[in-house]
Protein backbone atom coordinates (compact mmCIF):
# COMPACT_ATOMS: atom_id res chain seq x y z
CA UNK A 1 10.14 -6.31 146.63
CA UNK A 2 9.32 -3.38 144.28
CA UNK A 3 10.19 -3.62 140.60
CA UNK A 4 12.73 -1.05 139.32
CA UNK A 5 11.47 1.59 136.92
CA UNK A 6 13.31 2.86 133.81
CA UNK A 7 15.00 5.73 135.66
CA UNK A 8 16.36 3.36 138.31
CA UNK A 9 18.82 1.95 135.79
CA UNK A 10 20.12 5.44 135.05
CA UNK A 11 20.35 6.15 138.79
CA UNK A 12 22.22 2.91 139.40
CA UNK A 13 24.68 3.67 136.58
CA UNK A 14 25.28 7.18 137.90
CA UNK A 15 25.70 5.86 141.42
CA UNK A 16 28.24 3.29 140.28
CA UNK A 17 30.26 5.81 138.25
CA UNK A 18 30.22 8.31 141.12
CA UNK A 19 31.37 5.62 143.54
CA UNK A 20 34.25 4.56 141.28
CA UNK A 21 35.30 8.18 140.61
CA UNK A 22 35.15 9.13 144.30
CA UNK A 23 37.18 6.10 145.31
CA UNK A 24 39.75 6.88 142.61
CA UNK A 25 40.08 10.47 143.91
CA UNK A 26 40.69 9.20 147.44
CA UNK A 27 43.29 6.70 146.17
CA UNK A 28 45.03 9.36 144.11
CA UNK A 29 45.09 11.65 147.13
CA UNK A 30 46.70 8.87 149.17
CA UNK A 31 49.37 8.32 146.50
CA UNK A 32 50.32 12.00 146.21
CA UNK A 33 50.34 12.83 149.96
CA UNK A 34 53.00 12.10 152.52
CA UNK A 35 53.11 11.54 156.26
CA UNK A 36 49.86 11.92 158.19
CA UNK A 37 47.93 13.08 155.12
CA UNK A 38 48.80 9.83 153.35
CA UNK A 39 47.56 7.74 156.30
CA UNK A 40 44.30 9.69 156.45
CA UNK A 41 43.52 9.18 152.76
CA UNK A 42 44.42 5.49 152.84
CA UNK A 43 42.10 4.82 155.79
CA UNK A 44 39.25 6.72 154.15
CA UNK A 45 39.83 4.86 150.85
CA UNK A 46 39.73 1.45 152.54
CA UNK A 47 36.68 2.38 154.60
CA UNK A 48 34.83 3.70 151.54
CA UNK A 49 35.55 0.59 149.45
CA UNK A 50 34.28 -1.69 152.24
CA UNK A 51 31.14 0.43 152.70
CA UNK A 52 30.35 0.53 148.96
CA UNK A 53 30.83 -3.22 148.59
CA UNK A 54 28.53 -3.84 151.55
CA UNK A 55 25.89 -1.40 150.30
CA UNK A 56 25.85 -2.97 146.83
CA UNK A 57 24.27 -6.14 148.26
CA UNK A 58 20.91 -4.31 148.32
CA UNK A 59 20.75 -3.97 144.52
CA UNK A 60 20.33 -7.67 143.46
CA UNK A 61 16.87 -7.86 145.08
CA UNK A 62 15.65 -5.11 142.74
CA UNK A 63 16.35 -7.44 139.81
CA UNK A 64 14.83 -10.57 141.35
CA UNK A 65 18.14 -12.08 142.48
CA UNK A 66 17.52 -13.66 145.86
CA UNK A 67 20.68 -12.50 147.71
CA UNK A 68 19.95 -11.13 151.19
CA UNK A 69 21.56 -7.73 151.85
CA UNK A 70 23.71 -8.96 154.67
CA UNK A 71 26.59 -6.82 153.40
CA UNK A 72 24.97 -3.67 154.72
CA UNK A 73 26.42 -4.53 158.11
CA UNK A 74 29.78 -3.47 156.63
CA UNK A 75 28.56 0.13 156.74
CA UNK A 76 29.45 0.06 160.42
CA UNK A 77 33.06 -0.53 159.37
CA UNK A 78 33.00 2.69 157.35
CA UNK A 79 31.57 4.59 160.31
CA UNK A 80 34.26 3.15 162.57
CA UNK A 81 37.05 4.01 160.13
CA UNK A 82 35.84 7.62 159.80
CA UNK A 83 35.52 8.00 163.56
CA UNK A 84 39.00 6.56 164.09
CA UNK A 85 40.44 8.91 161.45
CA UNK A 86 38.77 11.90 163.09
CA UNK A 87 40.13 11.05 166.51
CA UNK A 88 43.56 9.65 165.55
CA UNK A 89 44.60 12.08 162.81
CA UNK A 90 42.52 15.16 163.68
CA UNK A 91 40.83 15.17 160.29
CA UNK A 92 38.65 18.01 161.52
CA UNK A 93 38.33 20.06 164.66
CA UNK A 94 35.86 18.08 166.74
CA UNK A 95 35.53 20.90 169.24
CA UNK A 96 34.41 23.27 166.51
CA UNK A 97 32.04 20.67 165.07
CA UNK A 98 30.43 20.04 168.46
CA UNK A 99 30.22 23.76 169.14
CA UNK A 100 28.48 24.42 165.84
CA UNK A 101 26.13 21.46 166.34
CA UNK A 102 25.08 22.67 169.79
CA UNK A 103 24.64 26.22 168.50
CA UNK A 104 22.52 25.03 165.59
CA UNK A 105 20.44 22.80 167.84
CA UNK A 106 19.75 25.61 170.31
CA UNK A 107 18.86 27.94 167.46
CA UNK A 108 16.36 25.41 166.14
CA UNK A 109 14.93 24.89 169.59
CA UNK A 110 14.55 28.61 170.28
CA UNK A 111 13.24 29.71 166.87
CA UNK A 112 11.92 26.83 164.78
CA UNK A 113 10.02 24.86 167.39
CA UNK A 114 7.97 27.80 168.77
CA UNK A 115 7.36 29.16 165.26
CA UNK A 116 6.19 25.93 163.66
CA UNK A 117 3.05 25.47 165.79
CA UNK A 118 2.11 29.06 164.92
CA UNK A 119 2.44 28.22 161.22
CA UNK A 120 0.28 25.14 161.67
CA UNK A 121 -2.34 27.20 163.51
CA UNK A 122 -2.35 29.78 160.73
CA UNK A 123 -2.73 27.04 158.14
CA UNK A 124 -5.70 25.58 160.03
CA UNK A 125 -7.41 28.97 160.41
CA UNK A 126 -6.85 30.00 156.78
CA UNK A 127 -7.55 26.70 154.99
CA UNK A 128 -9.79 25.09 157.58
CA UNK A 129 -7.55 22.04 157.78
CA UNK A 130 -3.92 20.94 158.09
CA UNK A 131 -2.36 19.41 154.97
CA UNK A 132 0.49 17.02 155.76
CA UNK A 133 2.45 17.68 152.54
CA UNK A 134 2.11 21.45 152.88
CA UNK A 135 3.10 21.25 156.54
CA UNK A 136 6.21 19.28 155.61
CA UNK A 137 7.17 21.93 153.05
CA UNK A 138 6.64 24.62 155.70
CA UNK A 139 8.86 22.77 158.14
CA UNK A 140 11.62 22.28 155.53
CA UNK A 141 11.62 25.96 154.51
CA UNK A 142 11.62 27.03 158.16
CA UNK A 143 14.61 24.81 158.99
CA UNK A 144 16.55 26.06 155.95
CA UNK A 145 15.87 29.69 156.86
CA UNK A 146 16.84 29.19 160.50
CA UNK A 147 20.05 27.30 159.71
CA UNK A 148 21.04 29.62 156.88
CA UNK A 149 20.02 32.86 158.52
CA UNK A 150 23.50 33.62 159.87
CA UNK A 151 25.22 33.04 156.52
CA UNK A 152 22.51 34.94 154.66
CA UNK A 153 22.91 37.87 157.05
CA UNK A 154 26.70 38.03 156.51
CA UNK A 155 26.39 37.79 152.72
CA UNK A 156 23.59 40.36 152.58
CA UNK A 157 25.52 42.76 154.80
CA UNK A 158 28.63 42.44 152.62
CA UNK A 159 26.59 42.93 149.43
CA UNK A 160 24.77 46.00 150.77
CA UNK A 161 27.98 47.50 152.13
CA UNK A 162 29.74 47.04 148.78
CA UNK A 163 26.80 48.46 146.82
CA UNK A 164 25.34 51.28 148.92
CA UNK A 165 28.24 52.11 151.25
CA UNK A 166 31.17 51.49 148.93
CA UNK A 167 33.35 54.21 150.45
CA UNK A 168 32.97 52.80 153.98
CA UNK A 169 33.73 49.30 152.69
CA UNK A 170 36.85 50.56 150.91
CA UNK A 171 38.05 52.16 154.13
CA UNK A 172 37.59 48.91 156.00
CA UNK A 173 39.64 47.18 153.32
CA UNK A 174 42.23 49.93 153.71
CA UNK A 175 42.61 49.21 157.42
CA UNK A 176 43.07 45.49 156.75
CA UNK A 177 45.51 46.05 153.89
CA UNK A 178 47.36 48.76 155.85
CA UNK A 179 47.86 46.46 158.83
CA UNK A 180 49.12 43.59 156.67
CA UNK A 181 51.50 45.77 154.68
CA UNK A 182 53.09 47.30 157.79
CA UNK A 183 53.86 43.87 159.28
CA UNK A 184 56.31 43.05 156.50
CA UNK A 185 58.25 46.35 156.47
CA UNK A 186 61.25 46.92 158.74
CA UNK A 187 63.17 49.54 156.79
CA UNK A 188 62.30 52.95 158.24
CA UNK A 189 62.37 54.78 154.89
CA UNK A 190 60.01 52.29 153.22
CA UNK A 191 57.69 52.25 156.25
CA UNK A 192 57.26 56.02 156.48
CA UNK A 193 56.55 56.20 152.75
CA UNK A 194 53.95 53.43 153.03
CA UNK A 195 52.17 55.18 155.89
CA UNK A 196 51.53 58.49 154.12
CA UNK A 197 50.98 56.92 150.70
CA UNK A 198 48.30 54.62 152.13
CA UNK A 199 46.43 57.16 154.23
CA UNK A 200 46.28 60.18 151.91
CA UNK A 201 44.78 58.57 148.74
CA UNK A 202 42.23 56.59 150.78
CA UNK A 203 40.82 59.69 152.51
CA UNK A 204 41.31 61.93 149.48
CA UNK A 205 43.77 64.22 151.25
CA UNK A 206 45.52 66.90 149.23
CA UNK A 207 48.84 66.34 150.93
CA UNK A 208 50.41 64.75 153.98
CA UNK A 209 53.83 64.57 155.61
CA UNK A 210 55.30 62.44 158.38
CA UNK A 211 57.66 64.04 160.91
CA UNK A 212 60.12 62.07 163.05
CA UNK A 213 62.10 63.35 165.98
CA UNK A 214 65.78 63.95 165.34
CA UNK A 215 68.03 61.64 167.36
CA UNK A 216 70.36 64.51 168.26
CA UNK A 217 67.83 67.18 169.24
CA UNK A 218 64.18 67.88 169.94
CA UNK A 219 63.60 69.06 166.39
CA UNK A 220 61.16 67.18 164.15
CA UNK A 221 62.17 66.63 160.54
CA UNK A 222 59.96 65.67 157.55
CA UNK A 223 60.96 62.20 156.38
CA UNK A 224 58.19 61.22 153.97
CA UNK A 225 55.40 63.04 152.17
CA UNK A 226 52.51 62.73 149.73
CA UNK A 227 51.31 65.41 147.32
CA UNK A 228 54.30 67.62 148.04
CA UNK A 229 58.03 67.23 148.46
CA UNK A 230 59.56 66.98 151.91
CA UNK A 231 61.67 70.00 151.01
CA UNK A 232 58.46 72.06 151.02
CA UNK A 233 58.10 71.53 154.77
CA UNK A 234 60.32 73.16 157.40
CA UNK A 235 61.97 71.57 160.38
CA UNK A 236 59.69 72.11 163.37
CA UNK A 237 61.44 73.25 166.53
CA UNK A 238 59.00 71.85 169.05
CA UNK A 239 61.10 72.31 172.15
CA UNK A 240 57.99 71.79 174.27
CA UNK A 241 57.47 68.25 172.97
CA UNK A 242 55.46 67.12 176.01
CA UNK A 243 52.62 69.33 174.74
CA UNK A 244 51.46 66.95 172.00
CA UNK A 245 51.93 64.00 174.31
CA UNK A 246 49.94 65.67 177.10
CA UNK A 247 47.07 66.43 174.73
CA UNK A 248 47.16 62.83 173.54
CA UNK A 249 46.99 61.62 177.14
CA UNK A 250 43.90 63.75 177.66
CA UNK A 251 42.08 61.53 175.16
CA UNK A 252 42.61 63.42 171.93
CA UNK A 253 44.08 60.96 169.45
CA UNK A 254 43.63 63.16 166.38
CA UNK A 255 44.00 66.95 166.55
CA UNK A 256 41.93 69.24 164.31
CA UNK A 257 44.00 72.42 164.26
CA UNK A 258 41.22 75.00 163.83
CA UNK A 259 39.32 73.45 166.77
CA UNK A 260 42.41 73.67 168.96
CA UNK A 261 42.89 77.32 168.00
CA UNK A 262 39.39 78.12 169.26
CA UNK A 263 39.79 76.24 172.53
CA UNK A 264 41.44 77.43 175.71
CA UNK A 265 45.07 76.34 175.67
CA UNK A 266 48.27 77.30 177.45
CA UNK A 267 51.20 79.21 175.96
CA UNK A 268 53.22 76.07 175.22
CA UNK A 269 50.35 74.59 173.25
CA UNK A 270 49.89 77.87 171.37
CA UNK A 271 53.48 77.79 170.19
CA UNK A 272 53.18 74.22 168.94
CA UNK A 273 49.84 74.78 167.22
CA UNK A 274 51.08 77.99 165.63
CA UNK A 275 53.94 76.13 163.94
CA UNK A 276 51.57 73.43 162.69
CA UNK A 277 49.07 75.99 161.39
CA UNK A 278 51.86 77.92 159.66
CA UNK A 279 52.48 75.03 157.26
CA UNK A 280 48.76 74.71 156.46
CA UNK A 281 47.98 71.76 158.72
CA UNK A 282 44.32 70.76 158.96
CA UNK A 283 44.81 67.64 161.11
CA UNK A 284 47.73 66.45 163.23
CA UNK A 285 47.99 62.75 164.01
CA UNK A 286 50.43 61.92 166.85
CA UNK A 287 52.24 58.59 166.56
CA UNK A 288 52.54 57.35 170.14
CA UNK A 289 53.58 53.93 171.35
CA UNK A 290 53.96 53.04 175.03
CA UNK A 291 53.56 56.72 176.02
CA UNK A 292 56.49 57.70 173.75
CA UNK A 293 55.92 60.31 171.04
CA UNK A 294 57.75 58.85 168.02
CA UNK A 295 56.59 61.50 165.59
CA UNK A 296 53.42 62.76 163.98
CA UNK A 297 51.64 63.10 160.64
CA UNK A 298 50.18 66.38 159.44
CA UNK A 299 47.58 66.48 156.69
CA UNK A 300 46.19 69.14 154.41
CA UNK A 301 42.60 69.68 153.20
CA UNK A 302 40.29 66.76 152.44
CA UNK A 303 39.31 67.14 148.78
CA UNK A 304 36.50 64.57 149.04
CA UNK A 305 34.54 66.43 151.71
CA UNK A 306 35.15 70.03 150.71
CA UNK A 307 38.27 70.50 152.80
CA UNK A 308 36.90 69.32 156.14
CA UNK A 309 37.16 66.04 157.98
CA UNK A 310 34.16 63.95 158.98
CA UNK A 311 33.88 61.96 162.19
CA UNK A 312 34.43 58.79 160.15
CA UNK A 313 37.64 60.27 158.74
CA UNK A 314 39.00 61.04 162.19
CA UNK A 315 38.03 57.59 163.49
CA UNK A 316 39.83 55.95 160.59
CA UNK A 317 42.93 58.08 161.18
CA UNK A 318 42.91 57.12 164.86
CA UNK A 319 42.74 53.42 163.97
CA UNK A 320 45.52 53.70 161.41
CA UNK A 321 47.71 55.68 163.82
CA UNK A 322 47.68 52.83 166.33
CA UNK A 323 48.90 50.36 163.70
CA UNK A 324 51.45 52.83 162.35
CA UNK A 325 52.85 53.65 165.79
CA UNK A 326 53.64 50.03 166.60
CA UNK A 327 55.23 49.44 163.18
CA UNK A 328 57.20 52.68 163.44
CA UNK A 329 58.53 51.78 166.88
CA UNK A 330 59.67 48.39 165.54
CA UNK A 331 61.39 50.06 162.58
CA UNK A 332 63.21 52.54 164.85
CA UNK A 333 64.40 49.66 167.03
CA UNK A 334 65.57 47.86 163.90
CA UNK A 335 67.52 50.95 162.81
CA UNK A 336 69.11 51.14 166.26
CA UNK A 337 70.03 47.47 166.02
CA UNK A 338 71.70 48.04 162.67
CA UNK A 339 73.66 50.99 164.04
CA UNK A 340 74.77 48.89 167.00
CA UNK A 341 75.90 46.09 164.74
CA UNK A 342 77.81 48.55 162.57
CA UNK A 343 79.52 49.99 165.68
CA UNK A 344 80.45 46.52 166.89
CA UNK A 345 81.96 45.68 163.52
CA UNK A 346 83.91 48.92 163.47
CA UNK A 347 85.21 48.17 166.96
CA UNK A 348 86.37 44.77 165.80
CA UNK A 349 88.14 46.37 162.80
CA UNK A 350 89.90 48.81 165.11
CA UNK A 351 90.98 45.90 167.31
CA UNK A 352 92.52 44.25 164.24
CA UNK A 353 94.29 47.49 163.36
CA UNK A 354 95.63 47.65 166.89
CA UNK A 355 97.00 44.16 166.42
CA UNK A 356 98.68 45.25 163.17
CA UNK A 357 100.17 48.39 164.69
CA UNK A 358 103.00 46.59 166.47
CA UNK A 359 104.31 45.11 163.24
CA UNK A 360 103.60 48.21 161.17
CA UNK A 361 106.38 50.33 162.70
CA UNK A 362 108.85 47.42 162.46
CA UNK A 363 107.98 46.74 158.84
CA UNK A 364 108.35 50.39 157.83
CA UNK A 365 111.52 50.97 159.88
CA UNK A 366 113.52 48.26 158.07
CA UNK A 367 113.21 49.63 154.52
CA UNK A 368 113.65 53.21 155.79
CA UNK A 369 116.91 52.17 157.48
CA UNK A 370 118.09 50.62 154.22
CA UNK A 371 117.12 53.71 152.22
CA UNK A 372 118.84 56.01 154.76
CA UNK A 373 122.06 54.00 154.57
CA UNK A 374 122.16 54.19 150.77
CA UNK A 375 121.38 57.91 150.82
CA UNK A 376 124.26 58.53 153.25
CA UNK A 377 126.69 56.63 150.98
CA UNK A 378 125.47 58.14 147.74
CA UNK A 379 127.59 61.38 147.84
CA UNK A 380 130.77 59.38 148.45
CA UNK A 381 130.09 56.78 145.74
CA UNK A 382 128.31 58.85 143.17
CA UNK A 383 130.80 57.75 140.53
CA UNK A 384 130.41 54.05 141.33
CA UNK A 385 128.07 52.82 138.60
CA UNK A 386 127.58 49.39 140.20
CA UNK A 387 126.65 51.03 143.48
CA UNK A 388 124.14 53.35 141.80
CA UNK A 389 122.46 50.43 140.02
CA UNK A 390 122.18 48.54 143.27
CA UNK A 391 121.04 51.72 145.04
CA UNK A 392 118.28 52.24 142.50
CA UNK A 393 117.08 48.63 142.75
CA UNK A 394 117.08 48.45 146.56
CA UNK A 395 115.41 51.82 147.07
CA UNK A 396 112.76 50.98 144.50
CA UNK A 397 112.00 47.66 146.20
CA UNK A 398 111.87 49.24 149.66
CA UNK A 399 109.60 52.06 148.50
CA UNK A 400 107.31 49.54 146.85
CA UNK A 401 107.30 47.55 150.09
CA UNK A 402 106.26 50.61 152.12
CA UNK A 403 103.71 51.61 149.50
CA UNK A 404 102.07 48.17 149.51
CA UNK A 405 101.98 48.05 153.30
CA UNK A 406 100.39 51.50 153.47
CA UNK A 407 97.86 50.57 150.79
CA UNK A 408 96.85 47.39 152.63
CA UNK A 409 96.38 49.22 155.93
CA UNK A 410 94.42 52.07 154.36
CA UNK A 411 92.28 49.68 152.37
CA UNK A 412 91.32 47.87 155.53
CA UNK A 413 90.99 50.93 157.77
CA UNK A 414 88.96 53.34 155.68
CA UNK A 415 85.21 53.27 156.48
CA UNK A 416 83.04 52.27 153.56
CA UNK A 417 79.46 51.26 152.95
CA UNK A 418 79.11 47.57 152.10
CA UNK A 419 79.66 47.11 148.35
CA UNK A 420 79.25 43.72 146.70
CA UNK A 421 81.07 42.86 143.50
CA UNK A 422 82.92 39.94 141.94
CA UNK A 423 86.17 39.32 143.82
CA UNK A 424 89.13 36.97 143.49
CA UNK A 425 89.13 35.07 146.78
CA UNK A 426 92.81 34.10 146.40
CA UNK A 427 93.74 37.77 146.10
CA UNK A 428 91.84 38.60 149.30
CA UNK A 429 93.53 35.72 151.17
CA UNK A 430 97.00 36.73 149.93
CA UNK A 431 96.35 40.31 151.04
CA UNK A 432 95.45 39.09 154.53
CA UNK A 433 98.54 36.84 154.68
CA UNK A 434 100.75 39.79 153.73
CA UNK A 435 99.26 41.79 156.61
CA UNK A 436 99.83 38.83 158.93
CA UNK A 437 103.52 38.52 158.01
CA UNK A 438 104.39 42.03 159.23
CA UNK A 439 103.61 41.06 162.84
CA UNK A 440 106.65 40.33 165.04
CA UNK A 441 105.10 37.05 166.20
CA UNK A 442 105.17 35.83 162.58
CA UNK A 443 108.77 34.75 163.09
CA UNK A 444 107.53 31.92 165.33
CA UNK A 445 104.94 30.73 162.79
CA UNK A 446 105.50 28.75 159.62
CA UNK A 447 102.88 29.69 157.03
CA UNK A 448 102.02 27.13 154.39
CA UNK A 449 99.63 27.98 151.54
CA UNK A 450 97.85 25.94 148.91
CA UNK A 451 95.73 28.30 146.84
CA UNK A 452 93.85 26.61 144.02
CA UNK A 453 94.29 27.89 140.48
CA UNK A 454 91.24 28.90 138.47
CA UNK A 455 89.12 29.40 141.55
CA UNK A 456 85.63 30.75 140.73
CA UNK A 457 85.10 34.38 141.69
CA UNK A 458 82.79 35.24 144.55
CA UNK A 459 80.21 38.01 144.83
CA UNK A 460 81.30 39.72 148.05
CA UNK A 461 82.37 42.82 149.91
CA UNK A 462 86.18 42.81 149.94
CA UNK A 463 86.61 44.71 153.21
CA UNK A 464 84.17 42.50 155.07
CA UNK A 465 85.85 39.30 153.89
CA UNK A 466 89.25 40.69 154.87
CA UNK A 467 87.81 41.37 158.32
CA UNK A 468 86.69 37.75 158.56
CA UNK A 469 89.96 36.21 157.36
CA UNK A 470 92.18 38.52 159.42
CA UNK A 471 90.20 37.63 162.50
CA UNK A 472 90.59 33.90 161.83
CA UNK A 473 94.31 34.25 161.01
CA UNK A 474 95.08 36.32 164.10
CA UNK A 475 93.18 33.82 166.26
CA UNK A 476 95.15 30.95 164.72
CA UNK A 477 98.49 32.66 165.38
CA UNK A 478 97.56 33.49 168.97
CA UNK A 479 96.51 29.88 169.54
CA UNK A 480 100.06 28.74 168.69
CA UNK A 481 101.98 31.27 170.80
CA UNK A 482 104.44 31.31 172.49
CA UNK A 483 105.68 27.93 171.25
CA UNK A 484 104.93 28.61 167.58
CA UNK A 485 103.58 26.21 165.01
CA UNK A 486 102.38 25.74 161.45
CA UNK A 487 99.56 27.78 159.92
CA UNK A 488 98.09 26.20 156.79
CA UNK A 489 95.79 28.12 154.48
CA UNK A 490 94.07 26.41 151.54
CA UNK A 491 91.50 27.47 148.99
CA UNK A 492 89.59 25.12 146.73
CA UNK A 493 86.44 24.67 144.73
CA UNK A 494 83.93 22.28 146.21
CA UNK A 495 80.89 20.62 144.69
CA UNK A 496 77.68 20.28 146.67
CA UNK A 497 76.02 17.85 144.25
CA UNK A 498 73.48 20.48 143.22
CA UNK A 499 75.05 21.72 139.95
CA UNK A 500 76.58 24.76 141.56
CA UNK A 501 80.10 25.84 142.52
CA UNK A 502 81.21 26.83 145.98
CA UNK A 503 84.64 27.93 147.14
CA UNK A 504 86.16 27.05 150.47
CA UNK A 505 88.89 28.65 152.54
CA UNK A 506 90.55 26.23 154.97
CA UNK A 507 92.53 27.80 157.85
CA UNK A 508 94.28 25.24 160.07
CA UNK A 509 96.59 25.79 163.04
CA UNK A 510 98.59 23.39 165.18
CA UNK A 511 97.62 24.99 168.49
CA UNK A 512 96.13 23.41 171.56
CA UNK A 513 92.65 23.16 170.09
CA UNK A 514 89.28 24.07 171.57
CA UNK A 515 87.49 22.27 174.37
CA UNK A 516 84.56 20.22 173.02
CA UNK A 517 82.11 21.98 175.33
CA UNK A 518 83.25 25.38 173.98
CA UNK A 519 82.90 24.59 170.26
CA UNK A 520 79.13 25.12 170.15
CA UNK A 521 79.50 28.54 171.82
CA UNK A 522 82.45 30.07 169.94
CA UNK A 523 80.15 31.99 167.57
CA UNK A 524 78.11 33.41 170.45
CA UNK A 525 78.62 37.14 171.13
CA UNK A 526 80.98 37.92 174.06
CA UNK A 527 82.11 34.30 174.40
CA UNK A 528 85.92 34.13 174.55
CA UNK A 529 88.64 31.70 175.59
CA UNK A 530 91.47 34.28 175.45
CA UNK A 531 91.60 35.01 179.17
CA UNK A 532 95.23 33.86 179.14
CA UNK A 533 96.19 35.40 175.81
CA UNK A 534 99.81 36.44 175.41
CA UNK A 535 98.84 39.71 173.67
CA UNK A 536 95.46 40.81 174.99
CA UNK A 537 92.20 39.50 176.34
CA UNK A 538 89.59 38.81 173.71
CA UNK A 539 86.27 40.66 173.47
CA UNK A 540 84.29 37.65 172.33
CA UNK A 541 82.90 39.56 169.32
CA UNK A 542 85.34 38.67 166.53
CA UNK A 543 84.00 35.23 165.65
CA UNK A 544 80.38 36.32 166.17
CA UNK A 545 80.89 39.14 163.66
CA UNK A 546 82.73 36.81 161.26
CA UNK A 547 79.84 34.34 161.43
CA UNK A 548 77.31 37.08 160.74
CA UNK A 549 79.27 38.48 157.79
CA UNK A 550 79.59 35.05 156.16
CA UNK A 551 75.86 34.40 156.63
CA UNK A 552 75.08 37.74 154.96
CA UNK A 553 77.18 36.51 152.02
CA UNK A 554 74.91 33.43 151.83
CA UNK A 555 77.76 31.23 153.04
CA UNK A 556 78.62 29.19 156.09
CA UNK A 557 81.51 28.93 158.53
CA UNK A 558 82.34 25.69 160.36
CA UNK A 559 84.91 24.72 162.97
CA UNK A 560 86.64 21.39 163.56
CA UNK A 561 88.94 21.02 166.54
CA UNK A 562 90.68 18.26 168.47
CA UNK A 563 92.04 19.06 171.91
CA UNK A 564 95.82 19.06 171.49
CA UNK A 565 95.53 18.57 167.72
CA UNK A 566 94.80 22.05 166.42
CA UNK A 567 91.77 23.79 164.98
CA UNK A 568 90.40 24.16 161.45
CA UNK A 569 87.98 26.83 160.29
CA UNK A 570 86.16 26.16 157.00
CA UNK A 571 84.61 29.17 155.27
CA UNK A 572 82.23 28.22 152.44
CA UNK A 573 81.09 30.88 149.98
CA UNK A 574 78.92 30.55 146.87
CA UNK A 575 80.61 31.50 143.63
CA UNK A 576 79.20 34.42 141.66
CA UNK A 577 77.57 31.88 139.32
CA UNK A 578 75.92 29.80 142.09
CA UNK A 579 72.13 29.75 141.43
CA UNK A 580 71.03 29.05 145.00
CA UNK A 581 72.10 29.79 148.52
CA UNK A 582 72.12 26.20 149.79
CA UNK A 583 75.43 25.75 151.55
CA UNK A 584 77.55 22.67 151.04
CA UNK A 585 77.11 21.79 154.70
CA UNK A 586 73.38 21.46 154.10
CA UNK A 587 73.70 19.23 151.07
CA UNK A 588 76.21 16.66 152.32
CA UNK A 589 75.19 13.07 152.23
CA UNK A 590 74.98 11.21 155.56
CA UNK A 591 77.90 9.04 154.56
CA UNK A 592 80.29 11.95 153.99
CA UNK A 593 81.74 14.41 156.47
CA UNK A 594 83.20 16.76 153.88
CA UNK A 595 82.09 18.23 150.58
CA UNK A 596 83.24 16.49 147.44
CA UNK A 597 86.43 18.04 146.10
CA UNK A 598 86.51 18.85 142.40
């Protein structure tokens, strides 16, 4: 057995330290991972330790210790563990590995094997003999070049493109960045601004503007611009809108205006092109998706190329227009969805006002009757001081009653944009209960309240929360008609165990309850159980809208119902000081069905 040299001791020390450090890294990885990752690392750690211990049995013979290296058989255990980990836990994509291996093997077979005999022949002709060591070096270099050719080609291409064709490389990066940025934008205003502000600086365009078709006419209005203000551009009355679309269908994805002016075109096209040329347009880029003309971009001179547009510029614009058209179509659909949701909410508010209308006339008529009676008696008893004092008190109270009722109705009915601010939840609930009490059916309902003192304020839109609570209160009353019942409304602060405050509104009725199979669907749009309602048939939108509003306030709404035992709605809202949006329902322990009351 050979004797170890002086460097062997250094090698053995380095090997031992590397082995220990590598095993420690695997063990640390196993301790810090969870799930499948943890199992993978543990298996690799165990397999590595067994393999190292087996391989170490070869070292004693180097120092004259007669211990046969039988432990090397344990290396098969390591191979088995790695193979099991690959197959069981998908440590790597075997399909990809096999594909790359086959590709590399074929590349070697097609390039290296035919080339190597030629190299040997050249060596023999030049040197007169074949040197084994030199031939081995030739083979090694050839294999490295063949296997690394693909990577070297990619790196070299990237380096040359960045160095010699920097502008082209920047444009490629622009396409990639442009596509990624559009994916995350749904707001139409932000999207249109991103489109023109990305295209114009990249191509060095002096100005650009994006036109969108008006929803109420065939006019096109400037919505976003670069280099100039949108007020500098007129509304284009393109009543022959199929013209641009027809030219696009003919294969022209990007229109150069001066070229169109020189070509043979019909009168409709002349009118469109004349309007575009009037505002100084050099290039018009239609934004078409699924054969629908959504709008178009018009651009001014190209300052980088002396005012003109190169073929590369037009190709880049065509590519960007395809990405922009899809994103623009999605944004328009999103705007339409928001308008539809707003209309649905307004319809639900009008339905609530319709429900209030029956009690409104009754509630106003009573104080007016009282005031009229006192006014009729006033001339006859003008000298009765006691009567005048009573008259003043009663009229003042009745006028205040009418004033408050009118204020509550107007506050709920007037259209407003959503506005979030700190609100007293008890005050909102009391306002809704006051509106509820003016209904004639209130006489059959006993209302019990338990509103907590010192309740944290919530950051909310007052009108939207009133819409939610009125919907829940009206539903509770209708569930108890015609027999009547008890309506209980509570507010309280609840703790979620996460160092934050939440407030809860508990609305409970003693009606017939909800069927268990219906509970999971009550927040679905157009699902209703009011087919036999005493007042009117439900639309199935009220609870769906309420659920959406509460979610937008980072809260949650839950329902608990027992058939024949009534229904309870729990509305949970974060206080204005709550640091996170984790709802109490998400942070309950498995042992508890309700949040912890403070």
